[in-house]
């Protein structure tokens, strides 16, 4: 039996699942922004992610503090326009996150295939 190492280096620790990103609303925000390289208006992002103003604002603050998104405000007459954009760091971290998430999906799918074939889930980890 392999001993567990600290720091998430165990086979199924998935340390790359960044806690800032790994939340449904924030995954939605980053996915929306990475697919729109010029950024999105707050109202567009709110609609794409099906979030309320307050909820989107809170998640944007978390992502902005982590330097994964930038939020800029400008004025169109008397109205404030808020524009959100993924940063270069945000793009890198999001793609790293997706790589780990793909491994999670592959591991789970392999275990499910082995289990449906009558094998134990433990054997799937060694496949």
N, C-alpha and C. Protein backbone atom coordinates (compact mmCIF):
# COMPACT_ATOMS: atom_id res chain seq x y z
N UNK A 1 0.84 -1.18 0.00
CA UNK A 1 0.00 0.00 0.00
C UNK A 1 0.88 1.24 0.00
N UNK A 2 0.54 2.18 -0.84
CA UNK A 2 1.31 3.42 -0.95
C UNK A 2 0.97 4.34 0.20
N UNK A 3 1.98 4.97 0.80
CA UNK A 3 1.70 5.91 1.90
C UNK A 3 1.24 7.24 1.32
N UNK A 4 0.37 7.90 2.07
CA UNK A 4 -0.14 9.20 1.62
C UNK A 4 0.87 10.28 1.95
N UNK A 5 1.12 11.13 1.00
CA UNK A 5 2.02 12.26 1.21
C UNK A 5 1.19 13.49 1.46
N UNK A 6 1.70 14.40 2.24
CA UNK A 6 0.99 15.65 2.46
C UNK A 6 1.12 16.53 1.23
N UNK A 7 0.21 17.50 1.11
CA UNK A 7 0.30 18.43 0.00
C UNK A 7 -0.51 18.01 -1.21
N UNK A 8 -1.35 16.98 -1.06
CA UNK A 8 -2.25 16.63 -2.15
C UNK A 8 -1.58 15.87 -3.28
N UNK A 9 -0.48 15.15 -3.02
CA UNK A 9 0.18 14.43 -4.09
C UNK A 9 -0.36 13.01 -4.25
N UNK A 10 -1.33 12.61 -3.46
CA UNK A 10 -1.94 11.30 -3.60
C UNK A 10 -2.69 11.24 -4.92
N UNK A 11 -2.81 10.04 -5.47
CA UNK A 11 -3.38 9.84 -6.80
C UNK A 11 -4.72 10.54 -7.01
N UNK A 12 -5.61 10.47 -6.03
CA UNK A 12 -6.95 11.03 -6.21
C UNK A 12 -7.19 12.29 -5.38
N UNK A 13 -6.12 12.99 -5.02
CA UNK A 13 -6.26 14.22 -4.23
C UNK A 13 -6.74 15.39 -5.09
N UNK A 14 -6.40 15.41 -6.36
CA UNK A 14 -6.80 16.45 -7.30
C UNK A 14 -6.53 17.86 -6.74
N UNK A 15 -5.31 18.07 -6.33
CA UNK A 15 -4.91 19.35 -5.76
C UNK A 15 -5.09 20.53 -6.70
N UNK A 16 -5.14 20.29 -8.00
CA UNK A 16 -5.30 21.37 -8.96
C UNK A 16 -6.72 21.89 -9.09
N UNK A 17 -7.66 21.31 -8.33
CA UNK A 17 -9.03 21.84 -8.33
C UNK A 17 -9.05 23.06 -7.43
N UNK A 18 -8.63 24.16 -7.99
CA UNK A 18 -8.51 25.44 -7.30
C UNK A 18 -9.81 25.79 -6.58
N UNK A 19 -9.74 25.99 -5.27
CA UNK A 19 -10.94 26.27 -4.47
C UNK A 19 -11.65 27.57 -4.88
N UNK A 20 -10.90 28.53 -5.37
CA UNK A 20 -11.53 29.78 -5.81
C UNK A 20 -12.39 29.52 -7.05
N UNK A 21 -11.89 28.69 -7.93
CA UNK A 21 -12.61 28.40 -9.18
C UNK A 21 -13.69 27.35 -8.97
N UNK A 22 -13.40 26.34 -8.15
CA UNK A 22 -14.25 25.15 -8.03
C UNK A 22 -15.53 25.44 -7.24
N UNK A 23 -16.36 26.26 -7.79
CA UNK A 23 -17.67 26.62 -7.25
C UNK A 23 -18.55 26.90 -8.47
N UNK A 24 -19.74 26.35 -8.49
CA UNK A 24 -20.58 26.39 -9.69
C UNK A 24 -20.68 27.78 -10.32
N UNK A 25 -21.00 28.77 -9.55
CA UNK A 25 -21.18 30.12 -10.11
C UNK A 25 -19.87 30.67 -10.67
N UNK A 26 -18.76 30.42 -9.99
CA UNK A 26 -17.48 30.95 -10.48
C UNK A 26 -16.99 30.19 -11.71
N UNK A 27 -17.28 28.90 -11.79
CA UNK A 27 -16.98 28.16 -13.02
C UNK A 27 -17.79 28.75 -14.17
N UNK A 28 -19.05 29.07 -13.91
CA UNK A 28 -19.90 29.67 -14.94
C UNK A 28 -19.36 31.02 -15.40
N UNK A 29 -18.95 31.84 -14.43
CA UNK A 29 -18.41 33.17 -14.76
C UNK A 29 -17.15 33.03 -15.61
N UNK A 30 -16.22 32.20 -15.17
CA UNK A 30 -14.96 32.06 -15.90
C UNK A 30 -15.17 31.42 -17.28
N UNK A 31 -16.08 30.46 -17.38
CA UNK A 31 -16.36 29.86 -18.67
C UNK A 31 -16.96 30.89 -19.62
N UNK A 32 -17.87 31.70 -19.12
CA UNK A 32 -18.46 32.76 -19.94
C UNK A 32 -17.40 33.75 -20.41
N UNK A 33 -16.51 34.13 -19.49
CA UNK A 33 -15.50 35.13 -19.83
C UNK A 33 -14.42 34.59 -20.75
N UNK A 34 -14.04 33.33 -20.58
CA UNK A 34 -12.98 32.78 -21.43
C UNK A 34 -13.48 32.61 -22.86
N UNK A 35 -14.80 32.47 -23.03
CA UNK A 35 -15.36 32.32 -24.38
C UNK A 35 -15.66 33.67 -25.03
N UNK A 36 -15.47 34.75 -24.29
CA UNK A 36 -15.67 36.11 -24.81
C UNK A 36 -14.41 36.92 -24.52
N UNK A 37 -13.44 36.84 -25.41
CA UNK A 37 -12.12 37.42 -25.17
C UNK A 37 -12.13 38.93 -24.93
N UNK A 38 -13.15 39.62 -25.42
CA UNK A 38 -13.23 41.07 -25.20
C UNK A 38 -13.96 41.42 -23.91
N UNK A 39 -14.39 40.39 -23.20
CA UNK A 39 -15.11 40.62 -21.95
C UNK A 39 -16.60 40.72 -22.18
N UNK A 40 -17.32 40.88 -21.09
CA UNK A 40 -18.78 40.97 -21.13
C UNK A 40 -19.25 42.08 -20.21
N UNK A 41 -20.35 42.69 -20.59
CA UNK A 41 -21.01 43.64 -19.70
C UNK A 41 -21.59 42.85 -18.53
N UNK A 42 -21.66 43.49 -17.38
CA UNK A 42 -22.19 42.86 -16.17
C UNK A 42 -23.55 42.21 -16.45
N UNK A 43 -24.43 42.94 -17.14
CA UNK A 43 -25.77 42.43 -17.41
C UNK A 43 -25.75 41.18 -18.30
N UNK A 44 -24.84 41.14 -19.27
CA UNK A 44 -24.70 39.96 -20.12
C UNK A 44 -24.21 38.77 -19.31
N UNK A 45 -23.20 39.01 -18.49
CA UNK A 45 -22.62 37.96 -17.67
C UNK A 45 -23.67 37.42 -16.69
N UNK A 46 -24.44 38.31 -16.12
CA UNK A 46 -25.52 37.92 -15.20
C UNK A 46 -26.51 36.99 -15.89
N UNK A 47 -26.87 37.33 -17.12
CA UNK A 47 -27.82 36.51 -17.89
C UNK A 47 -27.22 35.16 -18.25
N UNK A 48 -25.98 35.14 -18.74
CA UNK A 48 -25.32 33.89 -19.12
C UNK A 48 -25.22 32.92 -17.94
N UNK A 49 -24.95 33.46 -16.76
CA UNK A 49 -24.71 32.62 -15.58
C UNK A 49 -25.96 32.40 -14.73
N UNK A 50 -27.06 33.05 -15.09
CA UNK A 50 -28.33 32.95 -14.34
C UNK A 50 -28.13 33.28 -12.87
N UNK A 51 -27.50 34.44 -12.62
CA UNK A 51 -27.23 34.89 -11.25
C UNK A 51 -27.94 36.22 -11.01
N UNK A 52 -28.18 36.51 -9.74
CA UNK A 52 -28.72 37.82 -9.37
C UNK A 52 -27.58 38.84 -9.38
N UNK A 53 -27.92 40.11 -9.36
CA UNK A 53 -26.90 41.17 -9.29
C UNK A 53 -25.97 40.96 -8.11
N UNK A 54 -26.55 40.76 -6.94
CA UNK A 54 -25.76 40.62 -5.72
C UNK A 54 -24.89 39.39 -5.73
N UNK A 55 -25.44 38.27 -6.21
CA UNK A 55 -24.68 37.03 -6.25
C UNK A 55 -23.52 37.14 -7.22
N UNK A 56 -23.76 37.68 -8.41
CA UNK A 56 -22.69 37.85 -9.39
C UNK A 56 -21.63 38.81 -8.84
N UNK A 57 -22.06 39.89 -8.23
CA UNK A 57 -21.12 40.85 -7.67
C UNK A 57 -20.20 40.19 -6.64
N UNK A 58 -20.76 39.37 -5.78
CA UNK A 58 -19.97 38.70 -4.73
C UNK A 58 -18.94 37.75 -5.36
N UNK A 59 -19.37 36.97 -6.36
CA UNK A 59 -18.43 36.05 -7.00
C UNK A 59 -17.36 36.79 -7.79
N UNK A 60 -17.73 37.90 -8.41
CA UNK A 60 -16.73 38.71 -9.11
C UNK A 60 -15.69 39.27 -8.14
N UNK A 61 -16.12 39.66 -6.95
CA UNK A 61 -15.17 40.17 -5.95
C UNK A 61 -14.16 39.09 -5.58
N UNK A 62 -14.61 37.87 -5.38
CA UNK A 62 -13.70 36.76 -5.04
C UNK A 62 -12.72 36.53 -6.18
N UNK A 63 -13.22 36.49 -7.40
CA UNK A 63 -12.36 36.26 -8.57
C UNK A 63 -11.41 37.43 -8.81
N UNK A 64 -11.88 38.64 -8.55
CA UNK A 64 -11.03 39.82 -8.72
C UNK A 64 -9.92 39.85 -7.66
N UNK A 65 -10.24 39.50 -6.43
CA UNK A 65 -9.22 39.44 -5.36
C UNK A 65 -8.14 38.42 -5.70
N UNK A 66 -8.53 37.35 -6.38
CA UNK A 66 -7.57 36.32 -6.79
C UNK A 66 -6.86 36.70 -8.09
N UNK A 67 -7.19 37.86 -8.65
CA UNK A 67 -6.60 38.38 -9.89
C UNK A 67 -6.92 37.49 -11.10
N UNK A 68 -8.08 36.83 -11.05
CA UNK A 68 -8.50 35.98 -12.16
C UNK A 68 -9.38 36.73 -13.14
N UNK A 69 -10.03 37.79 -12.68
CA UNK A 69 -10.84 38.64 -13.56
C UNK A 69 -10.53 40.09 -13.25
N UNK A 70 -10.83 40.93 -14.22
CA UNK A 70 -10.75 42.37 -13.99
C UNK A 70 -12.15 42.94 -14.23
N UNK A 71 -12.50 43.91 -13.40
CA UNK A 71 -13.80 44.56 -13.51
C UNK A 71 -13.52 46.05 -13.67
N UNK A 72 -14.05 46.62 -14.76
CA UNK A 72 -13.83 48.04 -14.99
C UNK A 72 -15.19 48.73 -15.15
N UNK A 73 -15.21 49.98 -14.72
CA UNK A 73 -16.43 50.77 -14.81
C UNK A 73 -16.17 51.99 -15.67
N UNK A 74 -17.14 52.28 -16.51
CA UNK A 74 -17.07 53.48 -17.33
C UNK A 74 -18.46 54.11 -17.31
N UNK A 75 -18.56 55.29 -17.87
CA UNK A 75 -19.84 55.99 -17.86
C UNK A 75 -20.34 56.18 -19.28
N UNK A 76 -21.61 55.89 -19.47
CA UNK A 76 -22.31 56.12 -20.74
C UNK A 76 -23.41 57.12 -20.41
N UNK A 77 -23.07 58.38 -20.53
CA UNK A 77 -24.00 59.42 -20.07
C UNK A 77 -24.05 59.38 -18.55
N UNK A 78 -25.23 59.19 -18.02
CA UNK A 78 -25.39 59.13 -16.56
C UNK A 78 -25.32 57.70 -16.04
N UNK A 79 -25.27 56.72 -16.93
CA UNK A 79 -25.27 55.31 -16.52
C UNK A 79 -23.86 54.76 -16.38
N UNK A 80 -23.65 53.99 -15.34
CA UNK A 80 -22.39 53.30 -15.15
C UNK A 80 -22.42 51.99 -15.93
N UNK A 81 -21.38 51.72 -16.69
CA UNK A 81 -21.23 50.48 -17.43
C UNK A 81 -20.13 49.66 -16.77
N UNK A 82 -20.45 48.46 -16.34
CA UNK A 82 -19.47 47.58 -15.72
C UNK A 82 -19.11 46.49 -16.72
N UNK A 83 -17.82 46.33 -16.97
CA UNK A 83 -17.33 45.34 -17.93
C UNK A 83 -16.40 44.38 -17.20
N UNK A 84 -16.58 43.10 -17.46
CA UNK A 84 -15.80 42.05 -16.81
C UNK A 84 -14.98 41.31 -17.85
N UNK A 85 -13.75 40.98 -17.49
CA UNK A 85 -12.85 40.31 -18.42
C UNK A 85 -11.95 39.35 -17.65
N UNK A 86 -11.67 38.21 -18.24
CA UNK A 86 -10.74 37.27 -17.62
C UNK A 86 -9.32 37.82 -17.82
N UNK A 87 -8.47 37.69 -16.82
CA UNK A 87 -7.08 38.15 -16.93
C UNK A 87 -6.22 37.04 -17.52
N UNK A 88 -4.99 37.38 -17.86
CA UNK A 88 -4.05 36.36 -18.37
C UNK A 88 -3.84 35.28 -17.31
N UNK A 89 -3.69 35.69 -16.05
CA UNK A 89 -3.54 34.73 -14.96
C UNK A 89 -4.80 33.89 -14.83
N UNK A 90 -5.96 34.51 -14.95
CA UNK A 90 -7.23 33.80 -14.87
C UNK A 90 -7.35 32.75 -15.96
N UNK A 91 -6.93 33.12 -17.16
CA UNK A 91 -6.97 32.17 -18.29
C UNK A 91 -6.07 30.97 -18.00
N UNK A 92 -4.83 31.23 -17.52
CA UNK A 92 -3.90 30.13 -17.21
C UNK A 92 -4.47 29.23 -16.11
N UNK A 93 -4.95 29.85 -15.03
CA UNK A 93 -5.48 29.06 -13.90
C UNK A 93 -6.72 28.27 -14.31
N UNK A 94 -7.57 28.85 -15.12
CA UNK A 94 -8.78 28.17 -15.57
C UNK A 94 -8.41 26.96 -16.43
N UNK A 95 -7.45 27.12 -17.35
CA UNK A 95 -7.04 26.01 -18.20
C UNK A 95 -6.36 24.91 -17.38
N UNK A 96 -5.57 25.29 -16.36
CA UNK A 96 -4.98 24.30 -15.45
C UNK A 96 -6.09 23.55 -14.71
N UNK A 97 -7.09 24.28 -14.26
CA UNK A 97 -8.22 23.69 -13.57
C UNK A 97 -8.94 22.68 -14.47
N UNK A 98 -9.16 23.05 -15.74
CA UNK A 98 -9.83 22.15 -16.68
C UNK A 98 -9.04 20.87 -16.90
N UNK A 99 -7.72 20.97 -16.94
CA UNK A 99 -6.88 19.80 -17.11
C UNK A 99 -7.09 18.82 -15.97
N UNK A 100 -7.12 19.33 -14.75
CA UNK A 100 -7.35 18.47 -13.59
C UNK A 100 -8.77 17.91 -13.61
N UNK A 101 -9.73 18.75 -13.96
CA UNK A 101 -11.12 18.30 -14.02
C UNK A 101 -11.30 17.20 -15.08
N UNK A 102 -10.59 17.32 -16.19
CA UNK A 102 -10.62 16.26 -17.21
C UNK A 102 -10.11 14.95 -16.63
N UNK A 103 -9.08 15.01 -15.78
CA UNK A 103 -8.55 13.80 -15.15
C UNK A 103 -9.57 13.20 -14.19
N UNK A 104 -10.28 14.04 -13.45
CA UNK A 104 -11.33 13.57 -12.55
C UNK A 104 -12.39 12.81 -13.36
N UNK A 105 -12.82 13.40 -14.46
CA UNK A 105 -13.84 12.77 -15.30
C UNK A 105 -13.32 11.45 -15.87
N UNK A 106 -12.08 11.44 -16.35
CA UNK A 106 -11.50 10.21 -16.92
C UNK A 106 -11.40 9.12 -15.85
N UNK A 107 -10.96 9.48 -14.65
CA UNK A 107 -10.85 8.50 -13.56
C UNK A 107 -12.22 7.94 -13.20
N UNK A 108 -13.20 8.82 -13.09
CA UNK A 108 -14.55 8.38 -12.75
C UNK A 108 -15.15 7.51 -13.83
N UNK A 109 -14.94 7.88 -15.10
CA UNK A 109 -15.47 7.09 -16.21
C UNK A 109 -14.81 5.72 -16.27
N UNK A 110 -13.50 5.68 -16.03
CA UNK A 110 -12.80 4.39 -16.04
C UNK A 110 -13.32 3.49 -14.93
N UNK A 111 -13.53 4.07 -13.76
CA UNK A 111 -14.06 3.28 -12.64
C UNK A 111 -15.47 2.78 -12.95
N UNK A 112 -16.28 3.61 -13.56
CA UNK A 112 -17.65 3.21 -13.89
C UNK A 112 -17.66 2.09 -14.93
N UNK A 113 -16.76 2.19 -15.92
CA UNK A 113 -16.68 1.14 -16.94
C UNK A 113 -16.26 -0.19 -16.31
N UNK A 114 -15.26 -0.13 -15.44
CA UNK A 114 -14.79 -1.35 -14.79
C UNK A 114 -15.87 -1.91 -13.87
N UNK A 115 -16.56 -1.05 -13.17
CA UNK A 115 -17.60 -1.49 -12.25
C UNK A 115 -18.74 -2.15 -13.01
N UNK A 116 -19.11 -1.58 -14.16
CA UNK A 116 -20.20 -2.17 -14.94
C UNK A 116 -19.77 -3.48 -15.60
N UNK A 117 -18.47 -3.69 -15.73
CA UNK A 117 -17.96 -4.94 -16.29
C UNK A 117 -17.76 -5.99 -15.21
N UNK A 118 -18.11 -5.63 -13.95
CA UNK A 118 -18.02 -6.59 -12.86
C UNK A 118 -16.74 -6.52 -12.05
N UNK A 119 -15.89 -5.52 -12.32
CA UNK A 119 -14.65 -5.34 -11.60
C UNK A 119 -14.86 -4.42 -10.41
N UNK A 120 -13.92 -4.40 -9.49
CA UNK A 120 -14.04 -3.47 -8.36
C UNK A 120 -13.49 -2.11 -8.75
N UNK A 121 -13.98 -1.05 -8.11
CA UNK A 121 -13.52 0.30 -8.38
C UNK A 121 -12.04 0.48 -8.09
N UNK A 122 -11.52 -0.31 -7.13
CA UNK A 122 -10.10 -0.21 -6.78
C UNK A 122 -9.23 -0.61 -7.97
N UNK A 123 -9.67 -1.63 -8.71
CA UNK A 123 -8.91 -2.07 -9.87
C UNK A 123 -8.85 -1.00 -10.94
N UNK A 124 -9.91 -0.18 -11.06
CA UNK A 124 -9.94 0.88 -12.08
C UNK A 124 -8.83 1.90 -11.84
N UNK A 125 -8.49 2.14 -10.57
CA UNK A 125 -7.44 3.10 -10.26
C UNK A 125 -6.09 2.62 -10.74
N UNK A 126 -5.93 1.32 -10.87
CA UNK A 126 -4.64 0.78 -11.30
C UNK A 126 -4.59 0.52 -12.81
N UNK A 127 -5.68 0.81 -13.51
CA UNK A 127 -5.75 0.55 -14.96
C UNK A 127 -4.95 1.55 -15.74
